[in-house]
């Protein structure tokens, strides 16, 4: 069996899909034995692609993001993507692969059986949360993706049901494979945490909101709720935002600068992987008010660090952290305000939220993710192999 995996997302500044791709390619080779699991790109193409992504990221972070420089970079990136598409097709043909796995929705051109991971359907079900060009690209390409792919993976049963219901995919063509948690995300000694926070210039205690700042993450509502808390709470428990700016975040950025920062909100920006264990461990609670998630790594990562979680009732989160996290509708301001007050003032309740947290997170490992994904590969390449049934 020969499988090729597109690892382009792991070469960018990593968020959920980048981590997913990187962890699959870390664990799959050890499961494959003599069988071939190969990533694309490799060699000089890989190095050049990483440089291209890095240059594009620096332009996107500039204050004048719509300047001629960003347009020039976008044009160069498009040309490079055209080259990658041609190169990938050549590699697939030369390698005679039995299967191509696309970890990021829309496969590249290839003449071999294809499997794609659909992490969520927000671009289909909630197009208002995405830029128009992304929505258009999905509308144009999804019919071909649905007919071309021999199988799909979904991060949760909630997304699997959406794929079946809204895209009309037969149930036997969709397998749920949960994401995992890195082993370095675990409870840490307080002295190690405080040294790490000091290096980052952060206070010793805070509430944490982690994720890309974009409409579906519901950060603006959280900021307004937090600002309404008594000054004594905000002075003792600042709200720390960790995450880069996503699409259509201008209103949130203005509110953060004008109203929230003067009232106890800090914005660290994107945090490197090595900083996350200390950031989770140092937080009184993770606050995760997202309207919609395909999986939602931060709540489980916080639980893996032994922490308290306040989360929305998004379907995927109910699948993974219900029973441990305190969950509320994402648009219930009064409930979020009450929860923030309680988690910062009621030590007994805080200890209750933390009790048993690591046990809930323990089954979610990237090794298991890779093993279940490999089982799907085997099923597709060797149809006599019967996979374990998935719930949903």
Protein backbone atom coordinates (compact mmCIF):
# COMPACT_ATOMS: atom_id res chain seq x y z
CA UNK A 1 0.00 0.00 0.00
CA UNK A 2 1.35 3.41 -1.03
CA UNK A 3 -0.32 6.57 0.34
CA UNK A 4 0.60 10.20 -0.27
CA UNK A 5 -0.54 12.95 2.12
CA UNK A 6 -0.61 16.65 1.26
CA UNK A 7 1.22 18.33 4.14
CA UNK A 8 1.09 21.94 2.93
CA UNK A 9 -1.01 23.04 5.93
CA UNK A 10 1.69 21.89 8.35
CA UNK A 11 4.22 24.24 6.70
CA UNK A 12 2.18 27.35 7.58
CA UNK A 13 1.76 29.04 10.95
CA UNK A 14 -0.12 26.17 12.55
CA UNK A 15 -3.68 26.20 13.76
CA UNK A 16 -5.97 23.17 14.04
CA UNK A 17 -5.61 21.74 10.52
CA UNK A 18 -1.87 22.34 10.50
CA UNK A 19 -1.47 20.40 13.75
CA UNK A 20 -3.73 17.64 12.42
CA UNK A 21 -1.62 17.25 9.28
CA UNK A 22 1.71 17.36 11.12
CA UNK A 23 0.65 14.82 13.74
CA UNK A 24 -0.69 12.39 11.13
CA UNK A 25 2.61 12.46 9.28
CA UNK A 26 4.50 12.03 12.56
CA UNK A 27 2.60 8.90 13.61
CA UNK A 28 1.56 7.21 10.35
CA UNK A 29 5.03 5.97 9.28
CA UNK A 30 5.47 4.02 12.52
CA UNK A 31 2.15 2.27 11.83
CA UNK A 32 2.86 1.57 8.18
CA UNK A 33 5.90 -0.69 8.65
CA UNK A 34 7.11 -1.68 5.18
CA UNK A 35 4.21 0.13 3.52
CA UNK A 36 4.73 3.65 2.19
CA UNK A 37 3.30 6.82 3.73
CA UNK A 38 4.80 9.82 1.94
CA UNK A 39 4.25 13.54 2.45
CA UNK A 40 4.19 16.24 -0.20
CA UNK A 41 6.16 18.41 -0.81
CA UNK A 42 9.72 17.28 -0.08
CA UNK A 43 13.23 18.61 -0.67
CA UNK A 44 13.75 22.06 -2.15
CA UNK A 45 10.06 22.40 -3.01
CA UNK A 46 9.19 21.97 0.66
CA UNK A 47 11.78 24.56 1.73
CA UNK A 48 10.64 27.06 -0.90
CA UNK A 49 6.99 26.56 0.04
CA UNK A 50 7.71 27.25 3.70
CA UNK A 51 9.47 30.49 2.73
CA UNK A 52 6.52 31.49 0.54
CA UNK A 53 4.06 30.93 3.39
CA UNK A 54 6.30 32.81 5.80
CA UNK A 55 6.50 35.83 3.48
CA UNK A 56 2.75 35.80 2.95
CA UNK A 57 2.13 35.64 6.70
CA UNK A 58 4.29 38.70 7.35
CA UNK A 59 2.36 40.72 4.76
CA UNK A 60 -0.99 39.60 6.18
CA UNK A 61 0.05 40.81 9.63
CA UNK A 62 0.99 44.27 8.34
CA UNK A 63 -1.34 47.12 9.23
CA UNK A 64 -1.99 48.02 5.59
CA UNK A 65 -3.12 44.56 4.51
CA UNK A 66 -4.68 45.78 1.24
CA UNK A 67 -1.61 47.51 -0.18
CA UNK A 68 0.08 46.77 -3.51
CA UNK A 69 2.59 44.68 -1.57
CA UNK A 70 -0.07 42.25 -0.33
CA UNK A 71 -1.54 41.99 -3.85
CA UNK A 72 1.89 41.27 -5.30
CA UNK A 73 2.50 38.61 -2.68
CA UNK A 74 -0.93 37.09 -3.40
CA UNK A 75 -0.14 36.91 -7.10
CA UNK A 76 3.18 35.20 -6.41
CA UNK A 77 1.45 32.79 -4.05
CA UNK A 78 -1.12 31.89 -6.72
CA UNK A 79 1.64 31.23 -9.24
CA UNK A 80 3.44 29.04 -6.71
CA UNK A 81 0.23 27.12 -6.01
CA UNK A 82 -0.14 26.46 -9.76
CA UNK A 83 3.38 25.07 -9.75
CA UNK A 84 2.61 22.91 -6.71
CA UNK A 85 -0.49 21.53 -8.42
CA UNK A 86 1.54 20.46 -11.46
CA UNK A 87 4.35 19.10 -9.33
CA UNK A 88 1.95 17.11 -7.15
CA UNK A 89 0.30 15.49 -10.15
CA UNK A 90 3.72 14.47 -11.47
CA UNK A 91 4.76 13.03 -8.09
CA UNK A 92 1.53 11.03 -7.82
CA UNK A 93 1.97 9.59 -11.31
CA UNK A 94 5.64 8.71 -10.78
CA UNK A 95 5.03 7.19 -7.33
CA UNK A 96 2.09 5.02 -8.41
CA UNK A 97 0.27 5.71 -5.18
CA UNK A 98 -2.77 3.66 -4.21
CA UNK A 99 -4.36 6.55 -2.30
CA UNK A 100 -4.06 10.30 -1.84
CA UNK A 101 -5.18 11.84 1.46
CA UNK A 102 -6.08 15.54 1.43
CA UNK A 103 -6.23 16.77 5.07
CA UNK A 104 -7.73 20.17 4.15
CA UNK A 105 -11.09 19.79 2.38
CA UNK A 106 -10.28 20.43 -1.31
CA UNK A 107 -7.89 17.95 -2.98
CA UNK A 108 -5.18 18.97 -5.42
CA UNK A 109 -5.35 17.55 -8.97
CA UNK A 110 -4.27 13.90 -8.97
CA UNK A 111 -4.97 10.73 -10.93
CA UNK A 112 -5.32 8.34 -8.02
CA UNK A 113 -8.12 7.43 -5.57
CA UNK A 114 -8.62 10.28 -3.11
CA UNK A 115 -9.80 10.65 0.48
CA UNK A 116 -10.44 14.09 2.03
CA UNK A 117 -10.92 15.26 5.60
CA UNK A 118 -13.89 17.61 6.04
CA UNK A 119 -13.15 19.26 9.38
CA UNK A 120 -16.40 21.22 9.47
CA UNK A 121 -19.09 22.52 7.12
CA UNK A 122 -19.16 26.13 8.30
CA UNK A 123 -18.35 27.45 4.82
CA UNK A 124 -21.40 25.59 3.49
CA UNK A 125 -23.82 26.09 6.39
CA UNK A 126 -22.67 29.57 7.51
CA UNK A 127 -21.10 31.35 4.52
CA UNK A 128 -21.40 34.69 6.32
CA UNK A 129 -18.45 33.61 8.48
CA UNK A 130 -16.10 33.30 5.51
CA UNK A 131 -14.62 35.58 2.81
CA UNK A 132 -16.53 35.59 -0.46
CA UNK A 133 -13.66 34.10 -2.46
CA UNK A 134 -13.48 31.10 -0.13
CA UNK A 135 -17.23 30.53 -0.34
CA UNK A 136 -17.08 30.79 -4.14
CA UNK A 137 -14.16 28.34 -4.31
CA UNK A 138 -16.06 25.80 -2.24
CA UNK A 139 -19.22 26.24 -4.30
CA UNK A 140 -17.26 25.68 -7.50
CA UNK A 141 -15.14 22.76 -6.34
CA UNK A 142 -17.33 20.85 -3.90
CA UNK A 143 -19.43 19.01 -6.54
CA UNK A 144 -16.24 17.63 -8.09
CA UNK A 145 -14.84 16.78 -4.64
CA UNK A 146 -17.99 14.84 -3.76
CA UNK A 147 -17.85 12.80 -6.96
CA UNK A 148 -14.08 12.33 -7.02
CA UNK A 149 -13.36 11.28 -3.43
CA UNK A 150 -13.81 7.62 -2.60
CA UNK A 151 -14.16 8.39 1.11
CA UNK A 152 -14.28 11.23 3.64
CA UNK A 153 -13.07 11.67 7.21
CA UNK A 154 -14.84 13.90 9.75
CA UNK A 155 -13.43 15.05 13.09
CA UNK A 156 -16.63 14.40 15.05
CA UNK A 157 -19.91 12.53 14.73
CA UNK A 158 -21.58 15.95 14.61
CA UNK A 159 -19.72 16.86 11.42
CA UNK A 160 -20.21 13.37 10.00
CA UNK A 161 -23.98 13.79 10.34
CA UNK A 162 -23.77 17.18 8.61
CA UNK A 163 -21.80 15.70 5.70
CA UNK A 164 -24.42 12.98 5.28
CA UNK A 165 -27.40 15.32 5.67
CA UNK A 166 -26.26 18.44 3.83
CA UNK A 167 -23.87 17.07 1.20
CA UNK A 168 -25.81 13.89 0.49
CA UNK A 169 -22.84 11.58 1.07
CA UNK A 170 -23.72 7.96 1.77
CA UNK A 171 -23.04 7.02 5.43
CA UNK A 172 -20.60 4.25 4.45
CA UNK A 173 -18.42 6.86 2.71
CA UNK A 174 -17.81 8.93 5.85
CA UNK A 175 -15.78 7.84 8.88
CA UNK A 176 -15.44 9.80 12.10
CA UNK A 177 -11.89 10.03 13.42
CA UNK A 178 -11.38 12.28 16.44
CA UNK A 179 -8.39 14.59 16.68
CA UNK A 180 -5.80 14.18 19.42
CA UNK A 181 -3.82 16.09 22.03
CA UNK A 182 -0.04 16.44 22.16
CA UNK A 183 1.61 14.73 25.15
CA UNK A 184 3.34 17.95 26.29
CA UNK A 185 -0.08 19.39 27.13
CA UNK A 186 -0.31 18.21 30.75
CA UNK A 187 -0.34 19.66 34.29
CA UNK A 188 2.90 21.48 35.08
CA UNK A 189 4.50 22.56 38.39
CA UNK A 190 3.52 26.14 39.29
CA UNK A 191 7.12 27.37 39.36
CA UNK A 192 7.68 26.25 35.74
CA UNK A 193 4.44 27.92 34.66
CA UNK A 194 5.26 31.21 36.36
CA UNK A 195 8.74 31.37 34.84
CA UNK A 196 7.28 30.78 31.37
CA UNK A 197 4.59 33.43 31.87
CA UNK A 198 7.20 35.92 33.07
CA UNK A 199 9.26 35.33 29.92
CA UNK A 200 6.15 36.14 27.88
CA UNK A 201 5.51 39.29 29.91
CA UNK A 202 2.17 37.97 31.21
CA UNK A 203 0.50 38.32 34.61
CA UNK A 204 0.51 35.35 37.00
CA UNK A 205 -3.27 34.82 36.74
CA UNK A 206 -5.86 35.42 34.04
CA UNK A 207 -8.80 34.02 32.10
CA UNK A 208 -7.82 32.57 28.73
CA UNK A 209 -9.51 32.73 25.32
CA UNK A 210 -7.50 30.90 22.66
CA UNK A 211 -8.07 30.70 18.92
CA UNK A 212 -7.99 32.71 15.70
CA UNK A 213 -10.05 35.87 16.10
CA UNK A 214 -12.81 35.59 13.49
CA UNK A 215 -16.63 35.88 13.49
CA UNK A 216 -17.54 32.29 14.32
CA UNK A 217 -15.31 32.34 17.41
CA UNK A 218 -17.70 34.87 19.02
CA UNK A 219 -14.87 36.89 20.58
CA UNK A 220 -16.58 40.27 20.28
CA UNK A 221 -19.51 39.09 22.40
CA UNK A 222 -17.10 37.68 24.99
CA UNK A 223 -15.24 41.00 25.16
CA UNK A 224 -18.47 42.91 25.75
CA UNK A 225 -19.55 40.48 28.47
CA UNK A 226 -16.15 40.65 30.14
CA UNK A 227 -16.09 44.46 30.07
CA UNK A 228 -19.45 44.44 31.89
CA UNK A 229 -17.92 42.61 34.89
CA UNK A 230 -17.18 44.58 38.07
CA UNK A 231 -13.88 46.42 37.98
CA UNK A 232 -12.65 44.46 41.00
CA UNK A 233 -12.98 41.19 39.05
CA UNK A 234 -11.32 42.57 35.92
CA UNK A 235 -8.41 43.97 37.93
CA UNK A 236 -7.80 40.62 39.60
CA UNK A 237 -8.53 38.40 36.58
CA UNK A 238 -7.53 39.97 33.22
CA UNK A 239 -8.80 38.27 30.06
CA UNK A 240 -5.95 37.05 27.85
CA UNK A 241 -6.65 36.61 24.12
CA UNK A 242 -4.21 34.25 22.42
CA UNK A 243 -4.55 33.97 18.65
CA UNK A 244 -3.90 35.80 15.43
CA UNK A 245 -6.33 37.97 13.51
CA UNK A 246 -8.58 36.14 11.07
CA UNK A 247 -10.98 37.32 8.40
CA UNK A 248 -13.50 40.13 9.07
CA UNK A 249 -12.16 40.95 12.54
CA UNK A 250 -12.13 44.73 12.15
CA UNK A 251 -15.08 45.36 14.51
CA UNK A 252 -13.52 43.13 17.16
CA UNK A 253 -10.15 44.85 16.73
CA UNK A 254 -11.69 48.30 17.17
CA UNK A 255 -13.62 47.24 20.27
CA UNK A 256 -10.53 45.56 21.72
CA UNK A 257 -8.45 48.69 21.26
CA UNK A 258 -11.05 51.27 22.28
CA UNK A 259 -13.01 49.56 25.07
CA UNK A 260 -11.59 46.21 26.12
CA UNK A 261 -7.85 46.85 26.56
CA UNK A 262 -8.45 49.77 28.96
CA UNK A 263 -10.67 47.42 31.01
CA UNK A 264 -8.39 44.44 31.55
CA UNK A 265 -8.13 42.59 28.22
CA UNK A 266 -4.68 41.57 26.95
CA UNK A 267 -3.89 40.32 23.44
CA UNK A 268 -0.82 38.14 23.08
CA UNK A 269 -1.36 37.30 19.40
CA UNK A 270 -0.35 33.97 17.90
CA UNK A 271 1.54 31.79 20.40
CA UNK A 272 4.15 29.20 19.45
CA UNK A 273 3.43 25.57 20.33
CA UNK A 274 6.04 25.50 23.07
CA UNK A 275 4.23 28.29 24.95
CA UNK A 276 0.82 26.60 25.04
CA UNK A 277 1.36 24.24 28.02
CA UNK A 278 2.24 27.18 30.29
CA UNK A 279 -0.57 29.35 28.89
CA UNK A 280 -3.15 26.67 29.65
CA UNK A 281 -1.69 25.84 33.07
CA UNK A 282 -1.56 29.48 34.12
CA UNK A 283 -5.20 30.21 33.33
CA UNK A 284 -8.00 30.19 35.88
CA UNK A 285 -10.26 28.90 33.10
CA UNK A 286 -10.45 28.61 29.33
CA UNK A 287 -13.36 30.63 27.94
CA UNK A 288 -14.50 29.24 24.58
CA UNK A 289 -17.74 30.85 23.32
CA UNK A 290 -17.54 29.68 19.68
CA UNK A 291 -20.74 29.58 17.65
CA UNK A 292 -19.60 26.52 15.69
CA UNK A 293 -16.72 24.04 15.74
CA UNK A 294 -15.75 20.97 13.78
CA UNK A 295 -13.84 19.62 16.75
CA UNK A 296 -12.51 22.36 19.03
CA UNK A 297 -9.01 21.50 20.23
CA UNK A 298 -8.53 24.19 22.94
CA UNK A 299 -11.19 22.90 25.38
CA UNK A 300 -9.74 19.38 25.34
CA UNK A 301 -6.19 20.73 25.53
CA UNK A 302 -7.19 22.76 28.59
CA UNK A 303 -8.68 19.64 30.18
CA UNK A 304 -5.46 17.75 29.41
CA UNK A 305 -3.64 20.40 31.47
CA UNK A 306 -6.08 19.84 34.34
CA UNK A 307 -7.90 23.15 33.90
CA UNK A 308 -11.46 24.47 34.02
CA UNK A 309 -13.42 25.06 30.81
CA UNK A 310 -16.35 27.36 30.06
CA UNK A 311 -17.60 26.40 26.60
CA UNK A 312 -20.48 27.01 24.24
CA UNK A 313 -23.05 24.37 23.40
CA UNK A 314 -21.77 23.92 19.84
CA UNK A 315 -22.56 20.34 18.78
CA UNK A 316 -18.95 19.20 18.40
CA UNK A 317 -18.08 20.51 21.87
CA UNK A 318 -21.03 18.69 23.38
CA UNK A 319 -19.59 15.54 21.86
CA UNK A 320 -16.11 15.99 23.32
CA UNK A 321 -16.30 17.93 26.62
CA UNK A 322 -19.94 17.72 27.79
CA UNK A 323 -20.13 16.47 31.37
CA UNK A 324 -16.83 18.12 32.29
CA UNK A 325 -16.98 21.67 30.92
CA UNK A 326 -19.59 24.20 31.99
CA UNK A 327 -21.54 24.76 28.77
CA UNK A 328 -23.82 27.63 27.71
CA UNK A 329 -25.51 28.83 24.51
CA UNK A 330 -23.04 31.08 22.67
CA UNK A 331 -25.48 34.02 22.57
CA UNK A 332 -26.63 33.95 26.22
CA UNK A 333 -24.83 36.99 27.62
CA UNK A 334 -26.30 36.61 31.10
CA UNK A 335 -25.14 32.99 31.36
CA UNK A 336 -21.60 33.86 30.27
CA UNK A 337 -21.42 36.79 32.65
CA UNK A 338 -22.64 34.64 35.55
CA UNK A 339 -20.14 31.89 34.68
CA UNK A 340 -17.23 34.35 34.52
CA UNK A 341 -18.19 35.77 37.89
CA UNK A 342 -18.57 32.36 39.45
CA UNK A 343 -15.36 30.84 38.10
CA UNK A 344 -13.34 33.79 39.40
CA UNK A 345 -14.93 33.98 42.85
CA UNK A 346 -16.11 30.46 43.76
CA UNK A 347 -13.04 28.33 44.50
CA UNK A 348 -15.12 25.23 45.25
CA UNK A 349 -16.84 25.42 41.85
CA UNK A 350 -13.50 26.00 40.16
CA UNK A 351 -12.06 22.90 41.83
CA UNK A 352 -15.14 20.94 40.75
CA UNK A 353 -14.60 21.94 37.11
CA UNK A 354 -10.96 20.86 37.32
CA UNK A 355 -11.64 17.55 39.06
CA UNK A 356 -11.33 14.66 36.58
CA UNK A 357 -10.36 16.94 33.69
CA UNK A 358 -7.26 15.00 32.63
CA UNK A 359 -9.19 11.71 32.57
CA UNK A 360 -11.70 13.16 30.07
CA UNK A 361 -8.89 14.26 27.76
CA UNK A 362 -6.77 11.13 28.10
CA UNK A 363 -8.41 9.02 25.31
CA UNK A 364 -7.75 11.74 22.70
CA UNK A 365 -4.28 10.97 21.37
CA UNK A 366 -2.75 11.68 17.99
CA UNK A 367 -1.47 8.11 17.93
CA UNK A 368 -5.08 6.90 18.03
CA UNK A 369 -6.04 9.43 15.35
CA UNK A 370 -3.30 8.09 13.09
CA UNK A 371 -4.19 4.45 13.83
CA UNK A 372 -7.86 4.95 12.96
CA UNK A 373 -6.92 6.89 9.84
CA UNK A 374 -4.53 4.13 8.78
CA UNK A 375 -7.32 1.60 9.25
CA UNK A 376 -9.43 3.56 6.76
CA UNK A 377 -6.52 3.56 4.30
CA UNK A 378 -6.29 -0.22 4.61
CA UNK A 379 -10.02 -0.61 4.12
CA UNK A 380 -9.93 1.44 0.91
CA UNK A 381 -6.78 -0.19 -0.51
CA UNK A 382 -7.61 -3.70 0.70
CA UNK A 383 -11.43 -4.00 0.77
CA UNK A 384 -11.31 -7.31 2.64
CA UNK A 385 -10.15 -5.41 5.75
CA UNK A 386 -13.24 -4.59 7.83
CA UNK A 387 -12.85 -1.35 9.86
CA UNK A 388 -14.24 -0.83 13.34
CA UNK A 389 -17.68 0.78 13.25
CA UNK A 390 -17.93 4.42 14.30
CA UNK A 391 -20.77 5.88 16.28
CA UNK A 392 -23.26 8.19 14.57
